[in-house]
Amino acid sequence: MKLSIISLNYKKPELTVSSMESLWKQYKDEFENDDFEYIVVDNSSKDSSFEKLQNEVKKYKNFHVFENETNTGFGGGNNLGVTKAKGEYLLFLNNDTEAEDKGILRMLEYIQEHNDIGILGGKMLNGNGTEQPSSGKFYTLTSVTLFLLGLQRYGVIDQNPKEIQEVDWVKGALLMIPKKLFEEVGKFDEHIFMYTEDMELCYRVKLHKLKCVFFPDIKILHKDQGSTNRTFAIVHIFKYLPYFYKKHKTKIEYLYVKMLLLTKAILLIVAGYILRKKYFVDTYSEALKAIE
């Protein structure tokens, strides 16, 4: 088996089914020839998702579904999927994506030809065909400051190179890695429930003196309609960004990042009260409590 494609489902079986259908349409030959397999992990949805997906995977060769007894987040769910994987390479692919060309096959061929690449990420598109920022720079103290000022929207941190090139990290929604390397570096850090786990994995791969590369020659539609909302994302970024610094950086850097997060949360809570914006008050009060 050359490639195991791993996706998570959490209470969104309709998205997962659409993703499965698109993969079969583009890669039917690869699945039928035992080159590809698709593994979906239902991350303890506690609804009818698992049963629905059980019925769907029966339609396709080399499609499998497994149930996680507890919701262990993005990293934990994908790590479970890896334990079931037979492929030499792994592709972590969000369930709210649809394959629109043979780009995954081109990615696989490229990473097989370049032994110095540890992780290969790909370009993702919005529903209107515009590009989503699909790679980024590591959070230095400067970039963290810019991020917390809201300047990431101007391409200061996130980026989408037009050509194949080395980057700091790629989004976990479309991330390819050799299975052997994934296991050697310690898999996804399961302390991180969701958000920053992709950057943290890329950081560890870089410590192994291997490259993280962006591959733009692929068309993956990313609906960005997964199992979270904006408040959830903000709270978890505030929680796990300091954790990344505590794990990998100096104590001074960790304290600086923590101070920035605390300051931003407090300022936005105050602004929320002044402007009568309940969303600000509720979201950043929760984020303030989450900072580690």
Protein backbone atom coordinates (compact mmCIF):
# COMPACT_ATOMS: atom_id res chain seq x y z
CA MET A 1 0.00 0.00 0.00
CA LYS A 2 1.46 3.34 -1.04
CA LEU A 3 -0.82 5.88 0.65
CA SER A 4 -3.25 5.97 3.55
CA ILE A 5 -5.62 8.94 3.46
CA ILE A 6 -6.87 9.71 6.97
CA SER A 7 -9.84 11.92 7.85
CA LEU A 8 -11.77 12.70 11.02
CA ASN A 9 -15.51 12.96 11.37
CA TYR A 10 -17.26 14.73 14.20
CA LYS A 11 -21.02 15.03 13.76
CA LYS A 12 -20.69 15.99 10.08
CA PRO A 13 -21.18 12.72 8.15
CA GLU A 14 -22.60 14.54 5.14
CA LEU A 15 -19.32 16.40 4.67
CA THR A 16 -17.33 13.20 5.08
CA VAL A 17 -19.49 11.39 2.52
CA SER A 18 -18.98 14.19 -0.03
CA SER A 19 -15.23 14.02 0.54
CA MET A 20 -15.24 10.25 0.13
CA GLU A 21 -17.20 10.48 -3.12
CA SER A 22 -14.77 13.03 -4.56
CA LEU A 23 -11.77 10.86 -3.67
CA TRP A 24 -13.31 7.79 -5.28
CA LYS A 25 -14.13 9.77 -8.41
CA GLN A 26 -10.55 10.98 -8.81
CA TYR A 27 -8.65 7.93 -7.53
CA LYS A 28 -10.84 4.92 -8.25
CA ASP A 29 -7.98 3.10 -10.01
CA GLU A 30 -5.58 3.70 -7.13
CA PHE A 31 -8.08 2.36 -4.58
CA GLU A 32 -8.99 -0.66 -6.70
CA ASN A 33 -5.32 -1.46 -7.33
CA ASP A 34 -4.57 -1.41 -3.59
CA ASP A 35 -2.30 1.64 -3.93
CA PHE A 36 -4.54 3.90 -1.83
CA GLU A 37 -6.74 3.37 1.20
CA TYR A 38 -9.10 5.76 2.93
CA ILE A 39 -9.52 5.69 6.70
CA VAL A 40 -12.09 7.79 8.51
CA VAL A 41 -12.14 7.99 12.29
CA ASP A 42 -15.39 9.03 13.88
CA ASN A 43 -14.18 11.07 16.84
CA SER A 44 -16.87 9.99 19.30
CA SER A 45 -19.73 11.89 17.63
CA LYS A 46 -22.27 10.14 19.87
CA ASP A 47 -24.90 10.37 17.15
CA SER A 48 -25.68 8.34 14.04
CA SER A 49 -22.45 9.34 12.25
CA PHE A 50 -20.60 6.07 12.75
CA GLU A 51 -23.49 3.94 11.51
CA LYS A 52 -23.99 6.17 8.44
CA LEU A 53 -20.31 6.01 7.58
CA GLN A 54 -20.26 2.23 8.06
CA ASN A 55 -22.89 1.98 5.37
CA GLU A 56 -21.05 4.37 3.04
CA VAL A 57 -17.61 2.73 3.15
CA LYS A 58 -19.15 -0.56 2.01
CA LYS A 59 -19.63 1.05 -1.41
CA TYR A 60 -15.90 1.42 -2.05
CA LYS A 61 -12.86 -0.81 -2.02
CA ASN A 62 -10.19 0.00 0.61
CA PHE A 63 -12.45 2.43 2.50
CA HIS A 64 -12.64 1.90 6.26
CA VAL A 65 -14.25 3.57 9.25
CA PHE A 66 -13.27 3.27 12.90
CA GLU A 67 -14.89 4.67 16.01
CA ASN A 68 -12.97 6.54 18.69
CA GLU A 69 -14.49 5.90 22.10
CA THR A 70 -13.69 9.42 23.28
CA ASN A 71 -13.12 12.67 21.39
CA THR A 72 -9.35 13.03 21.56
CA GLY A 73 -9.19 16.03 19.23
CA PHE A 74 -7.45 16.42 15.89
CA GLY A 75 -4.16 14.89 16.94
CA GLY A 76 -5.54 12.00 18.96
CA GLY A 77 -8.10 11.05 16.32
CA ASN A 78 -5.54 11.10 13.53
CA ASN A 79 -3.06 9.14 15.65
CA LEU A 80 -5.71 6.45 16.05
CA GLY A 81 -6.19 6.42 12.27
CA VAL A 82 -2.45 5.90 11.79
CA THR A 83 -2.56 2.75 13.93
CA LYS A 84 -4.93 1.30 11.32
CA ALA A 85 -2.98 2.54 8.30
CA LYS A 86 -1.12 0.22 5.94
CA GLY A 87 0.33 2.87 3.64
CA GLU A 88 3.99 3.79 3.35
CA TYR A 89 2.87 7.43 3.30
CA LEU A 90 0.11 9.19 5.20
CA LEU A 91 -2.13 12.01 4.03
CA PHE A 92 -4.10 13.85 6.70
CA LEU A 93 -7.08 15.33 4.90
CA ASN A 94 -9.95 17.26 6.45
CA ASN A 95 -13.40 15.77 5.97
CA ASP A 96 -14.71 19.12 4.69
CA THR A 97 -12.54 18.89 1.56
CA GLU A 98 -13.23 17.66 -1.96
CA ALA A 99 -10.62 16.49 -4.45
CA GLU A 100 -11.03 18.13 -7.85
CA ASP A 101 -8.02 16.71 -9.70
CA LYS A 102 -5.24 14.12 -9.45
CA GLY A 103 -3.06 16.38 -7.31
CA ILE A 104 -2.76 13.91 -4.42
CA LEU A 105 -1.10 11.45 -6.78
CA ARG A 106 1.31 14.17 -7.95
CA MET A 107 2.09 15.01 -4.31
CA LEU A 108 2.83 11.37 -3.58
CA GLU A 109 5.15 11.06 -6.58
CA TYR A 110 6.97 14.26 -5.59
CA ILE A 111 7.61 13.30 -1.96
CA GLN A 112 8.75 9.83 -3.06
CA GLU A 113 11.34 11.44 -5.34
CA HIS A 114 12.75 13.78 -2.65
CA ASN A 115 14.19 12.06 0.41
CA ASP A 116 15.02 15.41 2.03
CA ILE A 117 11.31 16.26 2.41
CA GLY A 118 9.65 15.27 5.66
CA ILE A 119 6.28 16.95 5.15
CA LEU A 120 4.51 18.02 1.98
CA GLY A 121 1.48 20.31 2.10
CA GLY A 122 -0.82 21.42 -0.66
CA LYS A 123 -2.91 24.32 -1.86
CA MET A 124 -6.55 24.54 -0.82
CA LEU A 125 -9.31 26.57 -2.43
CA ASN A 126 -12.38 28.35 -1.13
CA GLY A 127 -15.78 27.58 -2.61
CA ASN A 128 -15.49 30.55 -5.00
CA GLY A 129 -12.17 29.31 -6.35
CA THR A 130 -9.94 31.75 -4.46
CA GLU A 131 -6.92 30.39 -2.64
CA GLN A 132 -6.81 29.75 1.10
CA PRO A 133 -3.55 30.44 2.92
CA SER A 134 -2.32 26.89 3.35
CA SER A 135 1.13 27.33 4.86
CA GLY A 136 2.73 29.66 7.35
CA LYS A 137 5.79 30.89 9.20
CA PHE A 138 6.80 29.73 12.64
CA TYR A 139 5.68 32.07 15.38
CA THR A 140 8.72 34.10 16.24
CA LEU A 141 8.24 36.78 18.88
CA THR A 142 7.79 39.31 16.08
CA SER A 143 5.23 37.27 14.16
CA VAL A 144 3.30 36.43 17.33
CA THR A 145 3.05 40.15 18.00
CA LEU A 146 1.80 40.76 14.46
CA PHE A 147 -0.63 37.86 14.76
CA LEU A 148 -2.11 39.17 17.99
CA LEU A 149 -2.50 42.58 16.35
CA GLY A 150 -4.63 40.89 13.70
CA LEU A 151 -2.18 41.46 10.84
CA GLN A 152 -2.13 37.82 9.67
CA ARG A 153 -4.91 38.70 7.24
CA TYR A 154 -2.37 40.70 5.21
CA GLY A 155 -0.16 37.69 4.52
CA VAL A 156 2.41 38.53 7.18
CA ILE A 157 2.26 35.02 8.64
CA ASP A 158 0.08 32.79 6.46
CA GLN A 159 1.10 32.37 2.85
CA ASN A 160 0.35 30.51 -0.38
CA PRO A 161 3.48 30.21 -2.56
CA LYS A 162 2.91 30.06 -6.30
CA GLU A 163 5.69 27.53 -6.83
CA ILE A 164 6.99 24.48 -4.99
CA GLN A 165 9.13 25.80 -2.17
CA GLU A 166 10.23 25.14 1.38
CA VAL A 167 8.08 26.70 4.10
CA ASP A 168 8.04 26.59 7.89
CA TRP A 169 4.79 24.68 8.25
CA VAL A 170 1.69 23.58 6.34
CA LYS A 171 -1.93 23.29 7.39
CA GLY A 172 -2.99 19.96 8.83
CA ALA A 173 -6.06 19.94 6.59
CA LEU A 174 -3.81 18.66 3.77
CA LEU A 175 -0.54 17.24 5.07
CA MET A 176 1.49 14.32 3.68
CA ILE A 177 4.28 12.57 5.57
CA PRO A 178 6.06 9.19 5.46
CA LYS A 179 4.48 6.91 8.04
CA LYS A 180 7.88 5.83 9.37
CA LEU A 181 8.90 9.45 9.98
CA PHE A 182 5.56 10.30 11.58
CA GLU A 183 6.11 7.52 14.11
CA GLU A 184 9.76 8.44 14.66
CA VAL A 185 9.01 12.07 15.57
CA GLY A 186 6.30 11.03 18.01
CA LYS A 187 3.07 11.52 16.00
CA PHE A 188 0.75 14.44 16.78
CA ASP A 189 1.11 15.85 20.28
CA GLU A 190 -2.15 14.72 21.91
CA HIS A 191 -1.89 17.39 24.58
CA ILE A 192 -2.97 19.79 21.82
CA PHE A 193 -6.67 19.12 21.29
CA MET A 194 -6.94 21.26 18.19
CA TYR A 195 -5.10 24.18 16.50
CA THR A 196 -1.29 24.60 16.36
CA GLU A 197 -0.82 20.79 16.27
CA ASP A 198 0.17 20.96 12.59
CA MET A 199 2.73 23.69 13.20
CA GLU A 200 4.12 21.79 16.18
CA LEU A 201 4.52 18.60 14.14
CA CYS A 202 6.28 20.50 11.34
CA TYR A 203 8.60 22.04 13.92
CA ARG A 204 9.65 18.60 15.17
CA VAL A 205 10.20 17.36 11.62
CA LYS A 206 12.48 20.37 11.03
CA LEU A 207 14.46 19.33 14.11
CA HIS A 208 15.08 16.06 12.25
CA LYS A 209 16.82 18.13 9.55
CA LEU A 210 14.08 17.47 7.00
CA LYS A 211 12.19 19.98 4.89
CA CYS A 212 8.58 21.05 5.02
CA VAL A 213 7.52 21.89 1.48
CA PHE A 214 4.46 23.51 -0.10
CA PHE A 215 3.09 21.91 -3.28
CA PRO A 216 0.69 24.17 -5.22
CA ASP A 217 -0.08 21.83 -8.14
CA ILE A 218 -3.28 20.44 -6.65
CA LYS A 219 -6.95 21.39 -6.48
CA ILE A 220 -8.57 20.67 -3.14
CA LEU A 221 -11.78 22.49 -2.29
CA HIS A 222 -11.83 23.26 1.43
CA LYS A 223 -15.32 24.17 2.58
CA ASP A 224 -14.02 25.07 6.04
CA GLN A 225 -17.22 23.78 7.61
CA GLY A 226 -15.75 21.39 10.11
CA SER A 227 -16.72 20.81 13.70
CA THR A 228 -15.62 24.12 15.24
CA ASN A 229 -16.57 27.79 15.28
CA ARG A 230 -14.57 31.01 15.60
CA THR A 231 -14.84 31.18 19.39
CA PHE A 232 -13.59 27.60 19.69
CA ALA A 233 -10.64 28.44 17.44
CA ILE A 234 -9.68 31.58 19.38
CA VAL A 235 -9.87 29.84 22.75
CA HIS A 236 -7.73 26.92 21.62
CA ILE A 237 -5.11 29.12 19.95
CA PHE A 238 -4.83 31.11 23.19
CA LYS A 239 -4.43 27.85 25.06
CA TYR A 240 -1.94 26.03 22.87
CA LEU A 241 0.28 28.80 21.50
CA PRO A 242 1.86 29.28 24.95
CA TYR A 243 2.14 25.50 25.23
CA PHE A 244 4.18 25.41 22.01
CA TYR A 245 6.54 28.04 23.43
CA LYS A 246 6.77 26.29 26.77
CA LYS A 247 7.67 23.03 25.03
CA HIS A 248 10.12 24.31 22.41
CA LYS A 249 11.38 27.78 23.32
CA THR A 250 13.06 29.61 26.18
CA LYS A 251 11.27 30.64 29.35
CA ILE A 252 11.60 34.31 28.41
CA GLU A 253 9.94 33.72 25.03
CA TYR A 254 7.18 31.71 26.68
CA LEU A 255 6.49 34.44 29.23
CA TYR A 256 6.48 37.12 26.52
CA VAL A 257 3.89 35.25 24.45
CA LYS A 258 1.79 34.56 27.53
CA MET A 259 1.90 38.26 28.46
CA LEU A 260 0.78 39.28 24.95
CA LEU A 261 -2.14 36.87 25.04
CA LEU A 262 -3.21 38.01 28.49
CA THR A 263 -3.01 41.65 27.43
CA LYS A 264 -5.03 41.10 24.25
CA ALA A 265 -7.71 39.11 26.04
CA ILE A 266 -8.11 41.75 28.77
CA LEU A 267 -8.22 44.64 26.30
CA LEU A 268 -10.88 42.93 24.18
CA ILE A 269 -12.98 42.07 27.23
CA VAL A 270 -12.89 45.73 28.26
CA ALA A 271 -13.69 46.82 24.71
CA GLY A 272 -16.58 44.37 24.68
CA TYR A 273 -18.10 45.91 27.79
CA ILE A 274 -17.62 49.47 26.47
CA LEU A 275 -19.05 48.66 23.03
CA ARG A 276 -21.65 46.26 24.41
CA LYS A 277 -20.28 43.44 22.30
CA LYS A 278 -21.26 40.29 24.17
CA TYR A 279 -19.29 38.12 21.73
CA PHE A 280 -16.02 39.85 22.69
CA VAL A 281 -16.73 39.55 26.40
CA ASP A 282 -17.74 35.89 26.27
CA THR A 283 -15.07 34.75 23.81
CA TYR A 284 -12.08 36.45 25.37
CA SER A 285 -13.18 35.71 28.93
CA GLU A 286 -13.07 32.05 27.93
CA ALA A 287 -9.74 32.58 26.15
CA LEU A 288 -8.30 34.29 29.23
CA LYS A 289 -9.13 31.25 31.37
CA ALA A 290 -7.60 28.91 28.79
CA ILE A 291 -4.11 30.48 28.67
CA GLU A 292 -1.57 28.02 30.03
